[in-house]
Amino acid sequence: MKLAGRRSRRKLRALSAETQEVARLYFQALDAASLKRGGRDLSMSINCHNYGKNEINDLFIAKIESAFRKLDLESRRIINNDFFFNNYKFWWVELYSTSTYYRLKRIAMCQFLNYLD
């Protein structure tokens, strides 16, 4: 699987921080979307002149979920376990060698972030 784009050359920490921020904003949007109208606003850098606060949260959630659904099974597993539901730090030890895990993690993060663009 070949990586494309400017993200493939970035350091793993930078990719990880960017993906972690997307996960944080996702859960913040979920929380805000579940509140009644007039709840907390999620600050996002999209053109929102024609949308209400809850519509923006719904659009953001849908965009992240769409990007997640486009990933292959291995990438979904890594993104889900490392960034969205990271309950167990070394969940991957039984599945991958260390080098394979980090190679697949880089691919997963690049794909996920590229699908969000």
PDB file of N, CA and C in Angstrom:
ATOM      1  N   MET A   1       0.838  -1.159   0.000  1.00  0.00           N
ATOM      2  CA  MET A   1       0.000   0.000   0.000  1.00  0.00           C
ATOM      3  C   MET A   1       0.895   1.238   0.000  1.00  0.00           C
ATOM      4  N   LYS A   2       0.760   2.077  -0.984  1.00  0.00           N
ATOM      5  CA  LYS A   2       1.613   3.236  -1.128  1.00  0.00           C
ATOM      6  C   LYS A   2       0.964   4.452  -0.485  1.00  0.00           C
ATOM      7  N   LEU A   3       1.764   5.210   0.247  1.00  0.00           N
ATOM      8  CA  LEU A   3       1.280   6.435   0.863  1.00  0.00           C
ATOM      9  C   LEU A   3       1.402   7.571  -0.131  1.00  0.00           C
ATOM     10  N   ALA A   4       0.434   8.439  -0.129  1.00  0.00           N
ATOM     11  CA  ALA A   4       0.463   9.571  -1.033  1.00  0.00           C
ATOM     12  C   ALA A   4       0.284  10.853  -0.241  1.00  0.00           C
ATOM     13  N   GLY A   5       0.782  11.928  -0.811  1.00  0.00           N
ATOM     14  CA  GLY A   5       0.543  13.232  -0.217  1.00  0.00           C
ATOM     15  C   GLY A   5       1.628  13.667   0.750  1.00  0.00           C
ATOM     16  N   ARG A   6       1.461  14.885   1.227  1.00  0.00           N
ATOM     17  CA  ARG A   6       2.453  15.494   2.101  1.00  0.00           C
ATOM     18  C   ARG A   6       2.533  14.815   3.456  1.00  0.00           C
ATOM     19  N   ARG A   7       1.472  14.172   3.879  1.00  0.00           N
ATOM     20  CA  ARG A   7       1.451  13.548   5.202  1.00  0.00           C
ATOM     21  C   ARG A   7       2.377  12.346   5.289  1.00  0.00           C
ATOM     22  N   SER A   8       2.629  11.679   4.173  1.00  0.00           N
ATOM     23  CA  SER A   8       3.455  10.466   4.210  1.00  0.00           C
ATOM     24  C   SER A   8       4.883  10.767   4.636  1.00  0.00           C
ATOM     25  N   ARG A   9       5.306  12.025   4.526  1.00  0.00           N
ATOM     26  CA  ARG A   9       6.671  12.390   4.889  1.00  0.00           C
ATOM     27  C   ARG A   9       6.762  12.962   6.303  1.00  0.00           C
ATOM     28  N   ARG A  10       5.642  13.140   6.966  1.00  0.00           N
ATOM     29  CA  ARG A  10       5.647  13.710   8.311  1.00  0.00           C
ATOM     30  C   ARG A  10       6.047  12.663   9.341  1.00  0.00           C
ATOM     31  N   LYS A  11       6.516  13.143  10.464  1.00  0.00           N
ATOM     32  CA  LYS A  11       6.912  12.256  11.556  1.00  0.00           C
ATOM     33  C   LYS A  11       5.683  11.595  12.164  1.00  0.00           C
ATOM     34  N   LEU A  12       5.905  10.399  12.701  1.00  0.00           N
ATOM     35  CA  LEU A  12       4.823   9.625  13.294  1.00  0.00           C
ATOM     36  C   LEU A  12       4.142  10.393  14.425  1.00  0.00           C
ATOM     37  N   ARG A  13       4.903  11.107  15.236  1.00  0.00           N
ATOM     38  CA  ARG A  13       4.314  11.885  16.338  1.00  0.00           C
ATOM     39  C   ARG A  13       3.380  12.967  15.835  1.00  0.00           C
ATOM     40  N   ALA A  14       3.767  13.647  14.773  1.00  0.00           N
ATOM     41  CA  ALA A  14       2.925  14.710  14.220  1.00  0.00           C
ATOM     42  C   ALA A  14       1.630  14.130  13.661  1.00  0.00           C
ATOM     43  N   LEU A  15       1.737  13.015  12.951  1.00  0.00           N
ATOM     44  CA  LEU A  15       0.538  12.347  12.436  1.00  0.00           C
ATOM     45  C   LEU A  15      -0.355  11.883  13.576  1.00  0.00           C
ATOM     46  N   SER A  16       0.256  11.338  14.605  1.00  0.00           N
ATOM     47  CA  SER A  16      -0.487  10.850  15.752  1.00  0.00           C
ATOM     48  C   SER A  16      -1.198  11.995  16.473  1.00  0.00           C
ATOM     49  N   ALA A  17      -0.523  13.115  16.648  1.00  0.00           N
ATOM     50  CA  ALA A  17      -1.132  14.277  17.300  1.00  0.00           C
ATOM     51  C   ALA A  17      -2.314  14.808  16.495  1.00  0.00           C
ATOM     52  N   GLU A  18      -2.170  14.852  15.184  1.00  0.00           N
ATOM     53  CA  GLU A  18      -3.255  15.330  14.321  1.00  0.00           C
ATOM     54  C   GLU A  18      -4.459  14.383  14.385  1.00  0.00           C
ATOM     55  N   THR A  19      -4.208  13.096  14.357  1.00  0.00           N
ATOM     56  CA  THR A  19      -5.288  12.113  14.442  1.00  0.00           C
ATOM     57  C   THR A  19      -5.947  12.151  15.816  1.00  0.00           C
ATOM     58  N   GLN A  20      -5.150  12.319  16.865  1.00  0.00           N
ATOM     59  CA  GLN A  20      -5.695  12.434  18.220  1.00  0.00           C
ATOM     60  C   GLN A  20      -6.598  13.657  18.348  1.00  0.00           C
ATOM     61  N   GLU A  21      -6.224  14.747  17.720  1.00  0.00           N
ATOM     62  CA  GLU A  21      -7.040  15.968  17.756  1.00  0.00           C
ATOM     63  C   GLU A  21      -8.373  15.749  17.035  1.00  0.00           C
ATOM     64  N   VAL A  22      -8.347  15.029  15.928  1.00  0.00           N
ATOM     65  CA  VAL A  22      -9.591  14.709  15.220  1.00  0.00           C
ATOM     66  C   VAL A  22     -10.501  13.883  16.119  1.00  0.00           C
ATOM     67  N   ALA A  23      -9.934  12.901  16.814  1.00  0.00           N
ATOM     68  CA  ALA A  23     -10.730  12.072  17.727  1.00  0.00           C
ATOM     69  C   ALA A  23     -11.312  12.911  18.865  1.00  0.00           C
ATOM     70  N   ARG A  24     -10.524  13.824  19.404  1.00  0.00           N
ATOM     71  CA  ARG A  24     -11.001  14.687  20.485  1.00  0.00           C
ATOM     72  C   ARG A  24     -12.160  15.558  20.011  1.00  0.00           C
ATOM     73  N   LEU A  25     -12.007  16.149  18.838  1.00  0.00           N
ATOM     74  CA  LEU A  25     -13.067  16.989  18.285  1.00  0.00           C
ATOM     75  C   LEU A  25     -14.312  16.174  17.950  1.00  0.00           C
ATOM     76  N   TYR A  26     -14.106  14.932  17.515  1.00  0.00           N
ATOM     77  CA  TYR A  26     -15.231  14.049  17.214  1.00  0.00           C
ATOM     78  C   TYR A  26     -16.075  13.813  18.458  1.00  0.00           C
ATOM     79  N   PHE A  27     -15.414  13.471  19.568  1.00  0.00           N
ATOM     80  CA  PHE A  27     -16.164  13.219  20.798  1.00  0.00           C
ATOM     81  C   PHE A  27     -16.775  14.500  21.351  1.00  0.00           C
ATOM     82  N   GLN A  28     -16.121  15.619  21.147  1.00  0.00           N
ATOM     83  CA  GLN A  28     -16.681  16.900  21.557  1.00  0.00           C
ATOM     84  C   GLN A  28     -17.929  17.207  20.732  1.00  0.00           C
ATOM     85  N   ALA A  29     -17.873  16.930  19.435  1.00  0.00           N
ATOM     86  CA  ALA A  29     -19.039  17.155  18.572  1.00  0.00           C
ATOM     87  C   ALA A  29     -20.178  16.210  18.928  1.00  0.00           C
ATOM     88  N   LEU A  30     -19.851  14.953  19.220  1.00  0.00           N
ATOM     89  CA  LEU A  30     -20.887  14.009  19.647  1.00  0.00           C
ATOM     90  C   LEU A  30     -21.571  14.487  20.918  1.00  0.00           C
ATOM     91  N   ASP A  31     -20.777  14.959  21.841  1.00  0.00           N
ATOM     92  CA  ASP A  31     -21.311  15.461  23.104  1.00  0.00           C
ATOM     93  C   ASP A  31     -22.206  16.672  22.851  1.00  0.00           C
ATOM     94  N   ALA A  32     -21.745  17.605  22.041  1.00  0.00           N
ATOM     95  CA  ALA A  32     -22.514  18.805  21.749  1.00  0.00           C
ATOM     96  C   ALA A  32     -23.778  18.484  20.962  1.00  0.00           C
ATOM     97  N   ALA A  33     -23.697  17.523  20.054  1.00  0.00           N
ATOM     98  CA  ALA A  33     -24.866  17.164  19.240  1.00  0.00           C
ATOM     99  C   ALA A  33     -25.932  16.480  20.082  1.00  0.00           C
ATOM    100  N   SER A  34     -25.520  15.849  21.159  1.00  0.00           N
ATOM    101  CA  SER A  34     -26.491  15.153  21.991  1.00  0.00           C
ATOM    102  C   SER A  34     -27.200  16.096  22.961  1.00  0.00           C
ATOM    103  N   LEU A  35     -26.664  17.295  23.124  1.00  0.00           N
ATOM    104  CA  LEU A  35     -27.318  18.277  23.987  1.00  0.00           C
ATOM    105  C   LEU A  35     -28.497  18.917  23.255  1.00  0.00           C
ATOM    106  N   LYS A  36     -29.373  19.506  24.006  1.00  0.00           N
ATOM    107  CA  LYS A  36     -30.509  20.199  23.391  1.00  0.00           C
ATOM    108  C   LYS A  36     -30.016  21.421  22.638  1.00  0.00           C
ATOM    109  N   ARG A  37     -30.853  21.993  21.803  1.00  0.00           N
ATOM    110  CA  ARG A  37     -30.508  23.204  21.052  1.00  0.00           C
ATOM    111  C   ARG A  37     -30.010  24.268  22.020  1.00  0.00           C
ATOM    112  N   GLY A  38     -29.019  25.028  21.565  1.00  0.00           N
ATOM    113  CA  GLY A  38     -28.444  26.052  22.411  1.00  0.00           C
ATOM    114  C   GLY A  38     -27.328  25.541  23.298  1.00  0.00           C
ATOM    115  N   GLY A  39     -26.891  24.302  23.072  1.00  0.00           N
ATOM    116  CA  GLY A  39     -25.802  23.721  23.855  1.00  0.00           C
ATOM    117  C   GLY A  39     -24.470  24.303  23.449  1.00  0.00           C
ATOM    118  N   ARG A  40     -23.414  23.628  23.861  1.00  0.00           N
ATOM    119  CA  ARG A  40     -22.071  24.102  23.555  1.00  0.00           C
ATOM    120  C   ARG A  40     -21.806  24.082  22.055  1.00  0.00           C
ATOM    121  N   ASP A  41     -21.009  25.019  21.634  1.00  0.00           N
ATOM    122  CA  ASP A  41     -20.640  25.123  20.230  1.00  0.00           C
ATOM    123  C   ASP A  41     -19.266  24.489  20.020  1.00  0.00           C
ATOM    124  N   LEU A  42     -19.102  23.820  18.901  1.00  0.00           N
ATOM    125  CA  LEU A  42     -17.806  23.240  18.548  1.00  0.00           C
ATOM    126  C   LEU A  42     -17.131  24.173  17.551  1.00  0.00           C
ATOM    127  N   SER A  43     -15.972  24.663  17.897  1.00  0.00           N
ATOM    128  CA  SER A  43     -15.241  25.555  16.995  1.00  0.00           C
ATOM    129  C   SER A  43     -14.579  24.721  15.915  1.00  0.00           C
ATOM    130  N   MET A  44     -14.989  24.943  14.692  1.00  0.00           N
ATOM    131  CA  MET A  44     -14.420  24.203  13.572  1.00  0.00           C
ATOM    132  C   MET A  44     -14.105  25.186  12.455  1.00  0.00           C
ATOM    133  N   SER A  45     -13.165  24.859  11.656  1.00  0.00           N
ATOM    134  CA  SER A  45     -12.740  25.757  10.593  1.00  0.00           C
ATOM    135  C   SER A  45     -13.440  25.408   9.282  1.00  0.00           C
ATOM    136  N   ILE A  46     -14.768  25.421   9.314  1.00  0.00           N
ATOM    137  CA  ILE A  46     -15.518  25.243   8.071  1.00  0.00           C
ATOM    138  C   ILE A  46     -16.438  26.434   7.913  1.00  0.00           C
ATOM    139  N   ASN A  47     -16.833  26.707   6.707  1.00  0.00           N
ATOM    140  CA  ASN A  47     -17.714  27.838   6.434  1.00  0.00           C
ATOM    141  C   ASN A  47     -19.107  27.491   6.947  1.00  0.00           C
ATOM    142  N   CYS A  48     -19.532  28.173   7.999  1.00  0.00           N
ATOM    143  CA  CYS A  48     -20.760  27.778   8.672  1.00  0.00           C
ATOM    144  C   CYS A  48     -21.827  28.864   8.662  1.00  0.00           C
ATOM    145  N   HIS A  49     -21.776  29.782   7.723  1.00  0.00           N
ATOM    146  CA  HIS A  49     -22.744  30.871   7.702  1.00  0.00           C
ATOM    147  C   HIS A  49     -24.175  30.382   7.513  1.00  0.00           C
ATOM    148  N   ASN A  50     -24.384  29.313   6.780  1.00  0.00           N
ATOM    149  CA  ASN A  50     -25.726  28.836   6.475  1.00  0.00           C
ATOM    150  C   ASN A  50     -26.187  27.686   7.365  1.00  0.00           C
ATOM    151  N   TYR A  51     -25.396  27.345   8.364  1.00  0.00           N
ATOM    152  CA  TYR A  51     -25.724  26.201   9.204  1.00  0.00           C
ATOM    153  C   TYR A  51     -25.872  26.617  10.660  1.00  0.00           C
ATOM    154  N   GLY A  52     -26.761  25.935  11.364  1.00  0.00           N
ATOM    155  CA  GLY A  52     -26.888  26.124  12.797  1.00  0.00           C
ATOM    156  C   GLY A  52     -25.816  25.341  13.520  1.00  0.00           C
ATOM    157  N   LYS A  53     -25.687  25.595  14.811  1.00  0.00           N
ATOM    158  CA  LYS A  53     -24.629  24.933  15.592  1.00  0.00           C
ATOM    159  C   LYS A  53     -24.768  23.418  15.582  1.00  0.00           C
ATOM    160  N   ASN A  54     -25.959  22.916  15.733  1.00  0.00           N
ATOM    161  CA  ASN A  54     -26.145  21.464  15.750  1.00  0.00           C
ATOM    162  C   ASN A  54     -25.904  20.855  14.374  1.00  0.00           C
ATOM    163  N   GLU A  55     -26.242  21.586  13.317  1.00  0.00           N
ATOM    164  CA  GLU A  55     -25.979  21.079  11.963  1.00  0.00           C
ATOM    165  C   GLU A  55     -24.481  20.964  11.700  1.00  0.00           C
ATOM    166  N   ILE A  56     -23.708  21.921  12.230  1.00  0.00           N
ATOM    167  CA  ILE A  56     -22.252  21.873  12.063  1.00  0.00           C
ATOM    168  C   ILE A  56     -21.694  20.638  12.754  1.00  0.00           C
ATOM    169  N   ASN A  57     -22.148  20.379  13.975  1.00  0.00           N
ATOM    170  CA  ASN A  57     -21.696  19.181  14.691  1.00  0.00           C
ATOM    171  C   ASN A  57     -22.064  17.922  13.920  1.00  0.00           C
ATOM    172  N   ASP A  58     -23.285  17.866  13.393  1.00  0.00           N
ATOM    173  CA  ASP A  58     -23.718  16.699  12.631  1.00  0.00           C
ATOM    174  C   ASP A  58     -22.881  16.511  11.372  1.00  0.00           C
ATOM    175  N   LEU A  59     -22.560  17.613  10.679  1.00  0.00           N
ATOM    176  CA  LEU A  59     -21.723  17.532   9.479  1.00  0.00           C
ATOM    177  C   LEU A  59     -20.315  17.034   9.818  1.00  0.00           C
ATOM    178  N   PHE A  60     -19.761  17.537  10.910  1.00  0.00           N
ATOM    179  CA  PHE A  60     -18.424  17.133  11.336  1.00  0.00           C
ATOM    180  C   PHE A  60     -18.394  15.653  11.696  1.00  0.00           C
ATOM    181  N   ILE A  61     -19.391  15.207  12.448  1.00  0.00           N
ATOM    182  CA  ILE A  61     -19.489  13.797  12.836  1.00  0.00           C
ATOM    183  C   ILE A  61     -19.613  12.916  11.596  1.00  0.00           C
ATOM    184  N   ALA A  62     -20.473  13.320  10.670  1.00  0.00           N
ATOM    185  CA  ALA A  62     -20.677  12.544   9.444  1.00  0.00           C
ATOM    186  C   ALA A  62     -19.399  12.465   8.616  1.00  0.00           C
ATOM    187  N   LYS A  63     -18.647  13.560   8.561  1.00  0.00           N
ATOM    188  CA  LYS A  63     -17.404  13.570   7.785  1.00  0.00           C
ATOM    189  C   LYS A  63     -16.381  12.604   8.386  1.00  0.00           C
ATOM    190  N   ILE A  64     -16.244  12.611   9.701  1.00  0.00           N
ATOM    191  CA  ILE A  64     -15.287  11.714  10.358  1.00  0.00           C
ATOM    192  C   ILE A  64     -15.716  10.261  10.190  1.00  0.00           C
ATOM    193  N   GLU A  65     -17.008   9.987  10.377  1.00  0.00           N
ATOM    194  CA  GLU A  65     -17.496   8.615  10.228  1.00  0.00           C
ATOM    195  C   GLU A  65     -17.360   8.129   8.789  1.00  0.00           C
ATOM    196  N   SER A  66     -17.561   9.009   7.832  1.00  0.00           N
ATOM    197  CA  SER A  66     -17.383   8.646   6.424  1.00  0.00           C
ATOM    198  C   SER A  66     -15.925   8.296   6.134  1.00  0.00           C
ATOM    199  N   ALA A  67     -15.002   9.099   6.652  1.00  0.00           N
ATOM    200  CA  ALA A  67     -13.574   8.812   6.459  1.00  0.00           C
ATOM    201  C   ALA A  67     -13.205   7.484   7.101  1.00  0.00           C
ATOM    202  N   PHE A  68     -13.752   7.211   8.268  1.00  0.00           N
ATOM    203  CA  PHE A  68     -13.474   5.953   8.969  1.00  0.00           C
ATOM    204  C   PHE A  68     -13.993   4.756   8.178  1.00  0.00           C
ATOM    205  N   ARG A  69     -15.185   4.875   7.601  1.00  0.00           N
ATOM    206  CA  ARG A  69     -15.766   3.771   6.825  1.00  0.00           C
ATOM    207  C   ARG A  69     -14.984   3.473   5.544  1.00  0.00           C
ATOM    208  N   LYS A  70     -14.266   4.448   5.017  1.00  0.00           N
ATOM    209  CA  LYS A  70     -13.487   4.247   3.793  1.00  0.00           C
ATOM    210  C   LYS A  70     -12.203   3.458   4.033  1.00  0.00           C
ATOM    211  N   LEU A  71     -11.788   3.339   5.279  1.00  0.00           N
ATOM    212  CA  LEU A  71     -10.540   2.636   5.603  1.00  0.00           C
ATOM    213  C   LEU A  71     -10.702   1.125   5.448  1.00  0.00           C
ATOM    214  N   ASP A  72      -9.590   0.454   5.165  1.00  0.00           N
ATOM    215  CA  ASP A  72      -9.601  -1.005   5.138  1.00  0.00           C
ATOM    216  C   ASP A  72      -9.673  -1.524   6.584  1.00  0.00           C
ATOM    217  N   LEU A  73      -9.884  -2.810   6.742  1.00  0.00           N
ATOM    218  CA  LEU A  73     -10.095  -3.406   8.061  1.00  0.00           C
ATOM    219  C   LEU A  73      -8.929  -3.162   9.025  1.00  0.00           C
ATOM    220  N   GLU A  74      -7.692  -3.366   8.561  1.00  0.00           N
ATOM    221  CA  GLU A  74      -6.523  -3.154   9.419  1.00  0.00           C
ATOM    222  C   GLU A  74      -6.430  -1.700   9.873  1.00  0.00           C
ATOM    223  N   SER A  75      -6.632  -0.777   8.967  1.00  0.00           N
ATOM    224  CA  SER A  75      -6.549   0.646   9.311  1.00  0.00           C
ATOM    225  C   SER A  75      -7.660   1.038  10.270  1.00  0.00           C
ATOM    226  N   ARG A  76      -8.858   0.518  10.063  1.00  0.00           N
ATOM    227  CA  ARG A  76      -9.961   0.787  10.996  1.00  0.00           C
ATOM    228  C   ARG A  76      -9.617   0.306  12.398  1.00  0.00           C
ATOM    229  N   ARG A  77      -9.075  -0.895  12.474  1.00  0.00           N
ATOM    230  CA  ARG A  77      -8.715  -1.469  13.771  1.00  0.00           C
ATOM    231  C   ARG A  77      -7.706  -0.576  14.491  1.00  0.00           C
ATOM    232  N   ILE A  78      -6.699  -0.119  13.767  1.00  0.00           N
ATOM    233  CA  ILE A  78      -5.661   0.707  14.378  1.00  0.00           C
ATOM    234  C   ILE A  78      -6.204   2.064  14.802  1.00  0.00           C
ATOM    235  N   ILE A  79      -6.921   2.737  13.930  1.00  0.00           N
ATOM    236  CA  ILE A  79      -7.484   4.051  14.263  1.00  0.00           C
ATOM    237  C   ILE A  79      -8.449   3.926  15.435  1.00  0.00           C
ATOM    238  N   ASN A  80      -9.289   2.932  15.396  1.00  0.00           N
ATOM    239  CA  ASN A  80     -10.277   2.743  16.466  1.00  0.00           C
ATOM    240  C   ASN A  80      -9.605   2.460  17.805  1.00  0.00           C
ATOM    241  N   ASN A  81      -8.665   1.539  17.826  1.00  0.00           N
ATOM    242  CA  ASN A  81      -8.032   1.143  19.085  1.00  0.00           C
ATOM    243  C   ASN A  81      -7.025   2.161  19.612  1.00  0.00           C
ATOM    244  N   ASP A  82      -6.360   2.884  18.730  1.00  0.00           N
ATOM    245  CA  ASP A  82      -5.347   3.835  19.183  1.00  0.00           C
ATOM    246  C   ASP A  82      -5.898   5.220  19.488  1.00  0.00           C
ATOM    247  N   PHE A  83      -6.967   5.620  18.814  1.00  0.00           N
ATOM    248  CA  PHE A  83      -7.406   7.007  18.943  1.00  0.00           C
ATOM    249  C   PHE A  83      -8.831   7.184  19.450  1.00  0.00           C
ATOM    250  N   PHE A  84      -9.720   6.280  19.137  1.00  0.00           N
ATOM    251  CA  PHE A  84     -11.107   6.474  19.535  1.00  0.00           C
ATOM    252  C   PHE A  84     -11.464   5.700  20.800  1.00  0.00           C
ATOM    253  N   PHE A  85     -11.021   4.486  20.911  1.00  0.00           N
ATOM    254  CA  PHE A  85     -11.315   3.671  22.091  1.00  0.00           C
ATOM    255  C   PHE A  85     -10.033   3.029  22.578  1.00  0.00           C
ATOM    256  N   ASN A  86      -9.131   3.869  23.054  1.00  0.00           N
ATOM    257  CA  ASN A  86      -7.802   3.389  23.460  1.00  0.00           C
ATOM    258  C   ASN A  86      -7.799   2.959  24.923  1.00  0.00           C
ATOM    259  N   ASN A  87      -8.506   1.875  25.203  1.00  0.00           N
ATOM    260  CA  ASN A  87      -8.602   1.358  26.559  1.00  0.00           C
ATOM    261  C   ASN A  87      -7.372   0.550  26.978  1.00  0.00           C
ATOM    262  N   TYR A  88      -6.726  -0.075  26.028  1.00  0.00           N
ATOM    263  CA  TYR A  88      -5.609  -0.970  26.316  1.00  0.00           C
ATOM    264  C   TYR A  88      -4.414  -0.540  25.475  1.00  0.00           C
ATOM    265  N   LYS A  89      -3.362  -0.070  26.121  1.00  0.00           N
ATOM    266  CA  LYS A  89      -2.226   0.543  25.436  1.00  0.00           C
ATOM    267  C   LYS A  89      -1.533  -0.381  24.431  1.00  0.00           C
ATOM    268  N   PHE A  90      -1.314  -1.609  24.788  1.00  0.00           N
ATOM    269  CA  PHE A  90      -0.587  -2.523  23.906  1.00  0.00           C
ATOM    270  C   PHE A  90      -1.502  -3.585  23.311  1.00  0.00           C
ATOM    271  N   TRP A  91      -2.635  -3.194  22.807  1.00  0.00           N
ATOM    272  CA  TRP A  91      -3.622  -4.097  22.221  1.00  0.00           C
ATOM    273  C   TRP A  91      -3.047  -4.838  21.014  1.00  0.00           C
ATOM    274  N   TRP A  92      -2.095  -4.255  20.343  1.00  0.00           N
ATOM    275  CA  TRP A  92      -1.571  -4.755  19.078  1.00  0.00           C
ATOM    276  C   TRP A  92      -0.497  -5.824  19.233  1.00  0.00           C
ATOM    277  N   VAL A  93       0.042  -6.034  20.423  1.00  0.00           N
ATOM    278  CA  VAL A  93       1.183  -6.934  20.626  1.00  0.00           C
ATOM    279  C   VAL A  93       0.892  -8.359  20.159  1.00  0.00           C
ATOM    280  N   GLU A  94      -0.309  -8.828  20.374  1.00  0.00           N
ATOM    281  CA  GLU A  94      -0.683 -10.190  19.960  1.00  0.00           C
ATOM    282  C   GLU A  94      -0.878 -10.311  18.443  1.00  0.00           C
ATOM    283  N   LEU A  95      -1.082  -9.184  17.774  1.00  0.00           N
ATOM    284  CA  LEU A  95      -1.409  -9.207  16.347  1.00  0.00           C
ATOM    285  C   LEU A  95      -0.238  -8.914  15.420  1.00  0.00           C
ATOM    286  N   TYR A  96       0.648  -7.999  15.840  1.00  0.00           N
ATOM    287  CA  TYR A  96       1.692  -7.508  14.940  1.00  0.00           C
ATOM    288  C   TYR A  96       3.047  -7.477  15.637  1.00  0.00           C
ATOM    289  N   SER A  97       4.087  -7.536  14.832  1.00  0.00           N
ATOM    290  CA  SER A  97       5.407  -7.209  15.364  1.00  0.00           C
ATOM    291  C   SER A  97       5.460  -5.687  15.511  1.00  0.00           C
ATOM    292  N   THR A  98       6.434  -5.191  16.242  1.00  0.00           N
ATOM    293  CA  THR A  98       6.526  -3.747  16.479  1.00  0.00           C
ATOM    294  C   THR A  98       6.686  -2.975  15.173  1.00  0.00           C
ATOM    295  N   SER A  99       7.564  -3.427  14.314  1.00  0.00           N
ATOM    296  CA  SER A  99       7.794  -2.704  13.055  1.00  0.00           C
ATOM    297  C   SER A  99       6.560  -2.737  12.162  1.00  0.00           C
ATOM    298  N   THR A 100       5.887  -3.870  12.114  1.00  0.00           N
ATOM    299  CA  THR A 100       4.667  -3.975  11.304  1.00  0.00           C
ATOM    300  C   THR A 100       3.582  -3.059  11.848  1.00  0.00           C
ATOM    301  N   TYR A 101       3.429  -3.043  13.165  1.00  0.00           N
ATOM    302  CA  TYR A 101       2.422  -2.176  13.781  1.00  0.00           C
ATOM    303  C   TYR A 101       2.663  -0.708  13.427  1.00  0.00           C
ATOM    304  N   TYR A 102       3.884  -0.224  13.581  1.00  0.00           N
ATOM    305  CA  TYR A 102       4.154   1.182  13.299  1.00  0.00           C
ATOM    306  C   TYR A 102       4.042   1.505  11.811  1.00  0.00           C
ATOM    307  N   ARG A 103       4.397   0.567  10.963  1.00  0.00           N
ATOM    308  CA  ARG A 103       4.215   0.772   9.523  1.00  0.00           C
ATOM    309  C   ARG A 103       2.738   0.878   9.186  1.00  0.00           C
ATOM    310  N   LEU A 104       1.927  -0.044   9.723  1.00  0.00           N
ATOM    311  CA  LEU A 104       0.485  -0.017   9.470  1.00  0.00           C
ATOM    312  C   LEU A 104      -0.189   1.197  10.117  1.00  0.00           C
ATOM    313  N   LYS A 105       0.323   1.599  11.274  1.00  0.00           N
ATOM    314  CA  LYS A 105      -0.235   2.772  11.952  1.00  0.00           C
ATOM    315  C   LYS A 105      -0.015   4.025  11.115  1.00  0.00           C
ATOM    316  N   ARG A 106       1.181   4.184  10.561  1.00  0.00           N
ATOM    317  CA  ARG A 106       1.458   5.340   9.695  1.00  0.00           C
ATOM    318  C   ARG A 106       0.528   5.334   8.484  1.00  0.00           C
ATOM    319  N   ILE A 107       0.372   4.184   7.865  1.00  0.00           N
ATOM    320  CA  ILE A 107      -0.526   4.074   6.706  1.00  0.00           C
ATOM    321  C   ILE A 107      -1.952   4.423   7.098  1.00  0.00           C
ATOM    322  N   ALA A 108      -2.409   3.894   8.227  1.00  0.00           N
ATOM    323  CA  ALA A 108      -3.782   4.141   8.680  1.00  0.00           C
ATOM    324  C   ALA A 108      -4.018   5.620   8.956  1.00  0.00           C
ATOM    325  N   MET A 109      -3.087   6.261   9.644  1.00  0.00           N
ATOM    326  CA  MET A 109      -3.256   7.682   9.957  1.00  0.00           C
ATOM    327  C   MET A 109      -3.247   8.530   8.696  1.00  0.00           C
ATOM    328  N   CYS A 110      -2.341   8.244   7.773  1.00  0.00           N
ATOM    329  CA  CYS A 110      -2.282   9.003   6.518  1.00  0.00           C
ATOM    330  C   CYS A 110      -3.566   8.839   5.724  1.00  0.00           C
ATOM    331  N   GLN A 111      -4.054   7.624   5.607  1.00  0.00           N
ATOM    332  CA  GLN A 111      -5.296   7.390   4.874  1.00  0.00           C
ATOM    333  C   GLN A 111      -6.464   8.123   5.530  1.00  0.00           C
ATOM    334  N   PHE A 112      -6.601   7.979   6.837  1.00  0.00           N
ATOM    335  CA  PHE A 112      -7.700   8.594   7.562  1.00  0.00           C
ATOM    336  C   PHE A 112      -7.674  10.116   7.408  1.00  0.00           C
ATOM    337  N   LEU A 113      -6.516  10.724   7.608  1.00  0.00           N
ATOM    338  CA  LEU A 113      -6.416  12.181   7.490  1.00  0.00           C
ATOM    339  C   LEU A 113      -6.610  12.648   6.057  1.00  0.00           C
ATOM    340  N   ASN A 114      -6.154  11.866   5.086  1.00  0.00           N
ATOM    341  CA  ASN A 114      -6.380  12.236   3.688  1.00  0.00           C
ATOM    342  C   ASN A 114      -7.851  12.152   3.317  1.00  0.00           C
ATOM    343  N   TYR A 115      -8.568  11.182   3.852  1.00  0.00           N
ATOM    344  CA  TYR A 115     -10.004  11.074   3.591  1.00  0.00           C
ATOM    345  C   TYR A 115     -10.775  12.238   4.214  1.00  0.00           C
ATOM    346  N   LEU A 116     -10.216  12.855   5.246  1.00  0.00           N
ATOM    347  CA  LEU A 116     -10.871  14.007   5.870  1.00  0.00           C
ATOM    348  C   LEU A 116     -10.691  15.286   5.069  1.00  0.00           C
ATOM    349  N   ASP A 117      -9.660  15.339   4.238  1.00  0.00           N
ATOM    350  CA  ASP A 117      -9.406  16.552   3.424  1.00  0.00           C
ATOM    351  C   ASP A 117     -10.472  16.749   2.377  1.00  0.00           C
TER     352      ASP A 117
END
